Protein backbone atom coordinates (compact mmCIF):
# COMPACT_ATOMS: atom_id res chain seq x y z
CA MET A 1 0.00 0.00 0.00
CA ARG A 2 2.76 2.42 0.92
CA PHE A 3 4.53 1.69 -2.37
CA ALA A 4 1.30 2.34 -4.28
CA ILE A 5 0.84 5.68 -2.53
CA MET A 6 4.41 6.65 -3.43
CA LEU A 7 3.76 5.79 -7.07
CA LEU A 8 0.53 7.80 -7.06
CA THR A 9 2.25 10.79 -5.49
CA ALA A 10 5.05 10.63 -8.06
CA ALA A 11 2.51 10.46 -10.87
CA ILE A 12 0.62 13.49 -9.55
CA LEU A 13 3.82 15.51 -9.23
CA ALA A 14 4.90 14.51 -12.72
CA THR A 15 1.51 15.47 -14.14
CA ALA A 16 1.55 18.82 -12.34
CA GLY A 17 5.00 19.59 -13.67
CA THR A 18 3.98 18.73 -17.20
CA ALA A 19 0.81 20.82 -16.98
CA ARG A 20 2.68 23.93 -15.85
CA ALA A 21 5.04 23.64 -18.77
CA GLN A 22 2.15 25.25 -20.66
CA VAL A 23 2.55 28.94 -21.53
CA LYS A 24 -0.40 31.06 -20.44
CA ILE A 25 -1.27 34.39 -22.07
CA GLY A 26 -3.82 36.67 -20.40
CA VAL A 27 -5.85 39.08 -22.50
CA THR A 28 -8.11 41.93 -21.37
CA ILE A 29 -9.76 43.91 -24.17
CA SER A 30 -12.90 45.95 -24.81
CA THR A 31 -15.33 43.60 -26.52
CA THR A 32 -18.29 45.62 -25.25
CA GLY A 33 -18.81 49.34 -24.61
CA PRO A 34 -17.73 52.38 -26.67
CA ALA A 35 -14.50 50.68 -27.80
CA ALA A 36 -16.11 47.42 -28.93
CA SER A 37 -15.21 48.13 -32.57
CA LEU A 38 -11.59 47.83 -31.42
CA GLY A 39 -11.94 44.93 -29.03
CA VAL A 40 -14.07 42.58 -31.12
CA PRO A 41 -11.55 42.22 -33.98
CA GLN A 42 -8.81 41.85 -31.35
CA ARG A 43 -10.69 38.97 -29.75
CA ASN A 44 -11.23 37.41 -33.16
CA SER A 45 -7.50 37.70 -33.86
CA ILE A 46 -6.57 35.96 -30.60
CA ALA A 47 -8.59 33.00 -31.87
CA LEU A 48 -6.24 32.75 -34.88
CA MET A 49 -3.09 32.41 -32.77
CA PRO A 50 -1.24 29.07 -32.60
CA SER A 51 -1.87 26.64 -29.74
CA THR A 52 1.75 25.47 -29.75
CA VAL A 53 4.87 27.65 -29.69
CA GLY A 54 8.43 26.47 -29.20
CA GLY A 55 7.22 22.95 -28.47
CA GLN A 56 4.96 24.16 -25.64
CA THR A 57 1.19 24.44 -25.67
CA VAL A 58 -0.15 27.96 -25.28
CA GLU A 59 -3.41 28.87 -23.56
CA TYR A 60 -5.07 32.26 -24.17
CA ARG A 61 -7.46 33.54 -21.51
CA VAL A 62 -9.60 36.43 -22.79
CA LEU A 63 -11.60 38.80 -20.55
CA ASP A 64 -13.75 41.82 -21.42
CA ASP A 65 -13.08 45.13 -19.66
CA ALA A 66 -15.68 47.17 -21.63
CA GLY A 67 -13.13 49.99 -21.94
CA ASP A 68 -13.30 50.63 -18.19
CA SER A 69 -9.92 51.30 -16.54
CA THR A 70 -10.96 49.86 -13.17
CA LYS A 71 -12.19 46.66 -14.81
CA ALA A 72 -9.01 46.40 -16.89
CA VAL A 73 -6.89 46.55 -13.73
CA ALA A 74 -9.09 43.96 -12.01
CA ASN A 75 -8.82 41.68 -15.05
CA ALA A 76 -5.04 42.08 -15.15
CA ARG A 77 -4.73 41.14 -11.48
CA LYS A 78 -7.05 38.18 -11.91
CA LEU A 79 -5.12 36.88 -14.90
CA ILE A 80 -1.75 37.26 -13.17
CA ASP A 81 -3.10 35.54 -10.04
CA GLU A 82 -4.13 32.68 -12.33
CA GLY A 83 -0.51 32.37 -13.46
CA VAL A 84 -0.29 33.98 -16.90
CA ASP A 85 3.19 34.57 -18.31
CA ALA A 86 2.28 37.69 -20.30
CA LEU A 87 -0.58 40.18 -20.66
CA ILE A 88 -2.09 41.51 -23.89
CA GLY A 89 -4.29 44.61 -23.65
CA SER A 90 -6.12 46.71 -23.28
CA SER A 91 -7.84 48.17 -26.34
CA THR A 92 -7.87 51.80 -25.17
CA THR A 93 -5.17 54.13 -23.89
CA PRO A 94 -6.78 54.94 -20.49
CA ALA A 95 -7.31 51.27 -19.65
CA SER A 96 -3.84 50.31 -20.82
CA LEU A 97 -2.22 53.10 -18.80
CA ALA A 98 -4.04 51.88 -15.70
CA MET A 99 -2.61 48.38 -16.19
CA ILE A 100 1.03 49.49 -16.16
CA ASP A 101 1.28 49.49 -12.37
CA VAL A 102 0.00 45.92 -12.19
CA ALA A 103 2.41 44.61 -14.83
CA ALA A 104 5.34 46.36 -13.15
CA GLU A 105 4.37 45.27 -9.64
CA LYS A 106 4.02 41.62 -10.67
CA GLN A 107 6.88 41.83 -13.19
CA VAL A 108 4.87 40.24 -15.99
CA PRO A 109 5.43 41.48 -19.58
CA MET A 110 2.49 43.43 -21.00
CA ILE A 111 1.84 44.18 -24.68
CA ALA A 112 -0.63 47.05 -25.01
CA LEU A 113 -2.95 47.40 -27.99
CA ALA A 114 -3.39 51.17 -27.51
CA ALA A 115 -1.56 53.90 -29.38
CA SER A 116 -0.31 56.50 -26.91
CA SER A 117 3.46 56.74 -26.59
CA ARG A 118 2.91 57.51 -22.90
CA LEU A 119 2.54 53.77 -22.39
CA ILE A 120 6.24 53.27 -23.09
CA GLU A 121 7.75 56.72 -22.69
CA PRO A 122 9.66 57.91 -20.82
CA MET A 123 11.29 54.55 -20.21
CA ASP A 124 11.51 53.81 -16.47
CA ALA A 125 11.34 50.91 -14.01
CA GLN A 126 7.62 50.46 -14.61
CA ARG A 127 7.56 50.83 -18.37
CA ARG A 128 10.40 48.35 -18.86
CA TRP A 129 7.67 45.69 -18.50
CA VAL A 130 5.37 47.33 -21.06
CA PHE A 131 5.43 47.02 -24.86
CA LYS A 132 2.92 48.05 -27.48
CA THR A 133 2.08 47.18 -31.07
CA PRO A 134 0.16 50.25 -32.37
CA GLN A 135 2.27 52.96 -33.94
CA ASN A 136 3.23 55.85 -31.66
CA ASP A 137 0.90 58.83 -32.06
CA SER A 138 4.01 60.98 -32.62
CA LEU A 139 4.85 59.00 -35.76
CA MET A 140 1.33 59.51 -37.09
CA ALA A 141 1.05 63.17 -36.06
CA ASP A 142 4.17 64.00 -38.07
CA ALA A 143 2.60 62.39 -41.15
CA ILE A 144 -0.63 64.37 -40.73
CA ALA A 145 1.16 67.70 -40.33
CA ALA A 146 3.38 67.02 -43.35
CA HIS A 147 0.31 66.20 -45.47
CA MET A 148 -1.46 69.35 -44.25
CA GLU A 149 1.52 71.49 -45.23
CA ARG A 150 1.59 69.97 -48.72
CA ALA A 151 -2.16 70.59 -49.02
CA GLY A 152 -1.75 74.26 -48.18
CA VAL A 153 -3.31 74.13 -44.72
CA LYS A 154 -2.34 77.18 -42.64
CA THR A 155 -4.79 76.94 -39.73
CA VAL A 156 -6.30 73.91 -38.00
CA GLY A 157 -8.92 73.12 -35.39
CA PHE A 158 -8.65 70.17 -33.02
CA ILE A 159 -11.35 68.09 -31.35
CA GLY A 160 -10.42 64.94 -29.44
CA PHE A 161 -11.39 62.60 -26.64
CA ASN A 162 -11.16 64.14 -23.16
CA ASP A 163 -8.98 61.30 -21.91
CA ALA A 164 -5.39 60.11 -22.23
CA TYR A 165 -5.83 59.34 -25.94
CA GLY A 166 -6.92 62.90 -26.65
CA ASP A 167 -4.25 64.31 -24.33
CA GLY A 168 -1.49 62.46 -26.14
CA TRP A 169 -2.74 63.46 -29.56
CA LEU A 170 -3.17 67.12 -28.61
CA ALA A 171 0.41 67.25 -27.36
CA GLU A 172 1.87 65.51 -30.42
CA ALA A 173 -0.30 67.38 -32.92
CA THR A 174 0.58 70.75 -31.37
CA ARG A 175 4.27 69.91 -31.70
CA ALA A 176 3.91 68.67 -35.27
CA PHE A 177 1.79 71.63 -36.38
CA ALA A 178 4.36 74.08 -35.07
CA ALA A 179 7.15 72.26 -36.88
CA HIS A 180 5.25 72.66 -40.17
CA GLY A 181 4.18 76.28 -39.71
CA ILE A 182 0.52 75.46 -39.06
CA LYS A 183 -1.42 77.50 -36.50
CA LEU A 184 -3.79 75.76 -34.06
CA VAL A 185 -6.77 78.12 -33.78
CA ALA A 186 -9.33 76.08 -31.81
CA THR A 187 -9.16 73.17 -29.36
CA GLU A 188 -12.21 71.22 -28.21
CA ARG A 189 -12.72 67.95 -26.31
CA TYR A 190 -15.53 65.42 -25.87
CA ALA A 191 -16.20 62.09 -24.12
CA ARG A 192 -16.23 58.74 -25.88
CA ALA A 193 -19.81 58.11 -24.80
CA ASP A 194 -21.16 61.57 -25.79
CA THR A 195 -24.11 61.65 -28.17
CA SER A 196 -23.83 65.34 -29.06
CA VAL A 197 -20.91 67.72 -29.69
CA THR A 198 -22.95 70.67 -30.91
CA GLY A 199 -21.33 73.21 -28.60
CA GLN A 200 -17.80 72.16 -29.51
CA VAL A 201 -18.58 72.11 -33.24
CA LEU A 202 -20.07 75.62 -33.19
CA LYS A 203 -16.80 76.92 -31.71
CA LEU A 204 -14.75 75.09 -34.32
CA VAL A 205 -16.84 76.46 -37.18
CA ALA A 206 -16.59 79.97 -35.75
CA ALA A 207 -12.77 79.72 -35.77
CA ARG A 208 -12.89 79.02 -39.54
CA PRO A 209 -9.82 76.73 -39.73
CA ASP A 210 -8.56 75.39 -43.05
CA ALA A 211 -8.75 71.87 -41.62
CA VAL A 212 -9.98 69.98 -38.56
CA LEU A 213 -8.16 67.09 -36.89
CA ILE A 214 -10.44 64.70 -34.99
CA ALA A 215 -8.52 62.68 -32.40
CA GLY A 216 -10.88 59.85 -31.59
CA ALA A 217 -10.96 56.10 -31.97
CA GLY A 218 -13.54 53.68 -33.29
CA THR A 219 -17.07 54.72 -34.17
CA PRO A 220 -17.25 57.61 -31.63
CA ALA A 221 -14.75 59.46 -33.83
CA ALA A 222 -17.45 59.86 -36.49
CA LEU A 223 -19.64 62.03 -34.25
CA PRO A 224 -17.72 65.36 -34.59
CA GLN A 225 -17.31 64.92 -38.33
CA LYS A 226 -20.99 64.31 -38.91
CA ALA A 227 -21.82 67.32 -36.72
CA LEU A 228 -19.37 69.52 -38.63
CA HIS A 229 -21.01 68.53 -41.91
CA GLU A 230 -24.43 69.35 -40.50
CA ARG A 231 -23.13 72.84 -39.63
CA GLY A 232 -21.78 73.34 -43.14
CA TYR A 233 -18.07 73.15 -42.43
CA ALA A 234 -16.39 72.74 -45.83
CA GLY A 235 -12.71 72.55 -44.88
CA LYS A 236 -10.44 69.52 -44.91
CA TYR A 237 -10.98 66.64 -42.50
CA TYR A 238 -8.27 64.58 -40.86
CA GLN A 239 -8.62 61.62 -38.50
CA THR A 240 -6.12 59.47 -36.60
CA HIS A 241 -5.27 55.81 -37.12
CA GLY A 242 -7.77 55.08 -34.36
CA VAL A 243 -10.62 54.97 -36.92
CA ALA A 244 -9.20 52.49 -39.40
CA ASN A 245 -11.97 49.90 -39.54
CA ALA A 246 -15.15 49.15 -41.46
CA ASP A 247 -17.41 50.22 -38.58
CA PHE A 248 -16.14 53.80 -38.88
CA LEU A 249 -16.95 53.79 -42.61
CA ARG A 250 -20.40 52.40 -41.89
CA VAL A 251 -21.26 54.91 -39.17
CA GLY A 252 -19.65 57.88 -40.93
CA GLY A 253 -21.22 57.18 -44.31
CA ARG A 254 -21.05 60.01 -46.82
CA ASP A 255 -19.92 62.45 -44.12
CA VAL A 256 -16.46 60.88 -43.97
CA GLU A 257 -15.79 60.85 -47.71
CA GLY A 258 -12.49 62.54 -48.51
CA THR A 259 -11.12 62.21 -44.98
CA VAL A 260 -7.33 61.82 -44.79
CA LEU A 261 -5.53 59.82 -42.10
CA PRO A 262 -2.35 57.91 -41.42
CA ALA A 263 -2.74 54.16 -40.94
CA GLY A 264 -0.84 50.94 -40.65
CA PRO A 265 -0.01 49.44 -44.07
CA ILE A 266 -2.34 46.50 -43.43
CA LEU A 267 -5.37 48.76 -44.00
CA VAL A 268 -4.53 48.87 -47.71
CA ALA A 269 -2.40 45.72 -47.89
CA ALA A 270 -3.55 44.74 -51.38
CA GLN A 271 -2.63 48.23 -52.69
CA LEU A 272 0.96 48.07 -51.40
CA PRO A 273 3.75 47.51 -53.94
CA ASP A 274 5.00 43.93 -54.12
CA SER A 275 8.42 45.11 -52.98
CA ASN A 276 7.02 46.07 -49.55
CA PRO A 277 8.11 43.35 -47.05
CA ILE A 278 4.98 43.92 -44.96
CA LYS A 279 2.61 43.03 -47.81
CA PRO A 280 2.79 39.20 -47.66
CA VAL A 281 2.49 39.11 -43.87
CA ALA A 282 -0.44 41.53 -43.90
CA LEU A 283 -2.24 39.72 -46.74
CA ASP A 284 -1.84 36.37 -44.96
CA TYR A 285 -3.50 37.82 -41.87
CA VAL A 286 -6.30 39.36 -43.94
CA ARG A 287 -6.92 36.02 -45.66
CA ARG A 288 -7.06 34.08 -42.39
CA TYR A 289 -9.18 36.66 -40.58
CA GLU A 290 -11.75 37.00 -43.33
CA ALA A 291 -11.93 33.24 -43.81
CA ALA A 292 -13.01 33.00 -40.17
CA ASN A 293 -15.11 36.16 -39.89
CA GLY A 294 -16.36 37.05 -43.36
CA ALA A 295 -15.24 39.13 -46.33
CA GLY A 296 -14.47 42.75 -45.50
CA SER A 297 -14.45 42.14 -41.74
CA VAL A 298 -10.73 42.73 -41.15
CA ALA A 299 -9.70 45.76 -39.05
CA THR A 300 -6.35 47.26 -38.20
CA PHE A 301 -7.17 46.94 -34.50
CA GLY A 302 -7.32 43.17 -34.78
CA ALA A 303 -3.96 43.24 -36.54
CA HIS A 304 -2.45 44.97 -33.49
CA ALA A 305 -3.45 41.91 -31.47
CA MET A 306 -2.01 39.62 -34.13
CA ASP A 307 1.26 41.56 -33.98
CA ALA A 308 1.33 41.00 -30.22
CA GLY A 309 0.95 37.30 -30.97
CA ILE A 310 3.77 37.33 -33.52
CA LEU A 311 6.04 39.07 -31.01
CA LEU A 312 5.27 36.43 -28.40
CA GLN A 313 5.68 33.57 -30.88
CA THR A 314 9.18 34.89 -31.56
CA ALA A 315 10.08 35.59 -27.92
CA ILE A 316 8.68 32.47 -26.22
CA PRO A 317 11.14 29.98 -27.78
CA VAL A 318 14.03 32.25 -26.74
CA ALA A 319 12.77 32.50 -23.15
CA LEU A 320 12.22 28.74 -22.94
CA ARG A 321 15.94 28.18 -23.40
CA SER A 322 16.66 29.60 -19.95
CA ALA A 323 13.52 29.18 -17.82
CA LYS A 324 10.23 27.33 -17.38
CA PRO A 325 6.82 28.96 -17.87
CA GLY A 326 5.11 30.15 -14.72
CA THR A 327 8.31 31.38 -13.08
CA PRO A 328 9.70 34.87 -12.48
CA GLU A 329 12.78 33.80 -14.44
CA PHE A 330 10.63 33.00 -17.48
CA HIS A 331 8.85 36.35 -17.24
CA ALA A 332 12.18 38.18 -17.14
CA ALA A 333 13.55 36.14 -20.03
CA LEU A 334 10.39 36.82 -22.05
CA ARG A 335 10.73 40.56 -21.44
CA GLN A 336 14.36 40.50 -22.56
CA ALA A 337 13.47 38.53 -25.68
CA LEU A 338 10.69 40.96 -26.60
CA GLU A 339 13.01 43.94 -26.48
CA SER A 340 15.51 42.25 -28.76
CA SER A 341 13.44 41.93 -31.95
CA GLU A 342 15.43 42.81 -35.06
CA GLU A 343 13.76 43.47 -38.43
CA LEU A 344 10.78 41.39 -37.33
CA VAL A 345 8.07 41.82 -39.98
CA LEU A 346 4.61 42.31 -38.48
CA THR A 347 1.27 43.10 -40.10
CA HIS A 348 1.69 46.82 -39.32
CA GLY A 349 5.39 47.36 -39.85
CA VAL A 350 8.91 46.12 -39.19
CA SER A 351 9.83 45.98 -35.51
CA ASN A 352 13.25 46.73 -34.04
CA MET A 353 12.69 46.87 -30.30
CA THR A 354 15.43 47.77 -27.84
CA PRO A 355 15.58 48.26 -24.05
CA GLN A 356 14.88 51.95 -24.74
CA ASP A 357 12.24 51.53 -27.48
CA HIS A 358 9.39 49.15 -26.72
CA ASN A 359 7.51 49.86 -29.96
CA GLY A 360 10.28 49.56 -32.53
CA PHE A 361 8.46 50.99 -35.54
CA ASP A 362 9.79 53.49 -38.08
CA GLY A 363 8.28 55.16 -41.15
CA ARG A 364 7.60 51.77 -42.74
CA ALA A 365 4.74 51.36 -40.24
CA ARG A 366 2.58 54.11 -41.73
CA VAL A 367 0.91 55.07 -44.96
CA MET A 368 -1.44 57.93 -45.79
CA VAL A 369 -4.92 56.97 -46.93
CA THR A 370 -8.17 58.66 -47.83
CA ILE A 371 -11.78 57.50 -47.97
CA GLU A 372 -13.16 57.26 -51.49
CA GLY A 373 -16.42 55.61 -52.44
CA GLY A 374 -16.83 54.23 -48.92
CA ALA A 375 -13.49 52.46 -49.08
CA TRP A 376 -9.87 53.05 -48.07
CA LYS A 377 -7.52 54.30 -50.79
CA LEU A 378 -3.74 54.49 -50.54
CA LEU A 379 -2.39 57.98 -51.22
CA PRO A 380 0.90 58.45 -53.09
């Protein structure tokens, strides 16, 4: 009997050891709420990720935070308490910023799917655990200002979310406008859940700018543009890369025709020249996503999640060489591997991360597009 108990105990210990060899990835994104048009394609992209990496099975645990910062933090803590080796999320800048403290406290790598450079800059003890796949808003703001200058824009009005996303864009846009000799003549803000921006729009129209930049994300970014059209504003319209999905086109309708914005190359993957190294990677993702979710369903936001997956698929085998999943040593090794990517081709660009740069994108990660006939068109 004693021998049998010893055998049973050994078998249980062996099974437990084998089970924990599994890599666990925790995901908190906004599949409901105002940012659902971002979170839903991200959730769909997680479903396309491989179940085995580096010879180890990978489990993805996905939670919804509805774009709420408090819920995102609670989800992050729950996932880490359940033993995840890395976090992906959240979909919005405010929720992602709130998660930084948790990732740093628990020393678990986090890959954000939000755009603000404040997530990774300035680099410090907390942000050394945080990475992100969307392009920095500074990279995109420079492209917008350069396009405005070429288009003869001298004055511009700004309306953006009254949260960290809008804060980051206002700061970067102000800098970029000044560098290109463009005067900011009106600044207005609004909430993601607002249903009317009449007061803000009246002030913008009264300032008579040559162009208006709307710094929003997802379908709520269509609200100011539709209101401006209703008030007869006939200047140029610019949006950020936070609107690059089919839902924005659907909600904006004819009111967003002619809008100009910077975007990740994947938005117009089929229009890229064959010499672009991003094109085959982006087209493969588009094919797989639309095969699972329907023609025309792909969104750049989902591709940010896929890029997080590609980064992890590259880093996990490296980390496995020195540590086992579920350990602090593995988490540290995974972080070090993530910040060592060199010319890694993703769906949105080519990543070269370093200990000082946890985004790693350059000008190859952006293109300028317009909306023509209800569809995205690559600009020269």
